[in-house]
Amino acid sequence: MIVAQRKSLERIEQMLEGCEQILVVGCGTCVAVCMAGGEKEVQLLAEQLRMRGKLGGLRRTIDEITLTRQCDHEYLDQLAPHVHNYDALLSMACGAGVQLLAEHFEGRLVLPALDTRFIGASDAEGQWSQRCSACCECILDLTGGICPHTLCPKGQLNGPCGGADHGRCEVDPENECAWALIYRRLELLGRLDQIRTIQPPKDHSATTRPGRQRHPAFDADGSED
């Protein structure tokens, strides 16, 4: 899932300067799971903005809504009857949601309340870590389901760099060496021979931005590439 965190209240207030009618728009998917932009977080931010506005003597109205998703046009349509009432839409979605909201209501000021951080997974309650770099060249079948491109700070694709100390990463000793993890996983799976597979240099053209994808079912002839 996409992991994000809320900007500071001071930064959000800075973006909202001069706005009197504000709609805080949450998203019910990834950012809700990582407790950054779901319904509860929307309620909290809206209340904080109301209190600060009242204490600061500001004439402003703060309303709130949480959509099922902000990264899909069909869920944005429900805002159409209301957006003209607001000076700004304060989005609590990831960067993709913010951009689609701005595109959907072109001409309406859309502001980001979150910083999008990474594609990750839950490690423990309230804790997430990056697991994927969306590199378009997945080799997890060869590395025991552990991504060296993401977990190794140097992105080593063909074994450890040599700087690890007792299985700990030399860049951040708090972390285990990604290749030590891969070795143990492959050994556990009885597939240690796979560690000898030499990976070619990363094809960075595969991640040329902006990326686009269309499901074959929606092609005219239904054929895959």
Foldseek 3Di string as FASTA:
>chain_A
DWEKAFDDLVVVVVVCPPWAEEEEEFEQPDHVQLVHGAPVNQVVSQVVVVVVCVVVVHRHDYHYDYWPHLLDLVRLVVCVVPQVVTQEYEYRHEPNSQVSNCVSVPPHHYHYRIYTDEDWDDPDVSDIDHQDPPLQDDPCVLQLNGQLCRQPPVRDPQADPPCDDPQAHPVDSVHGRSRVVSCVNCVVVVNNVSSRDDDDPRDNVSPPPPDDDDQLCPDPVSDDD
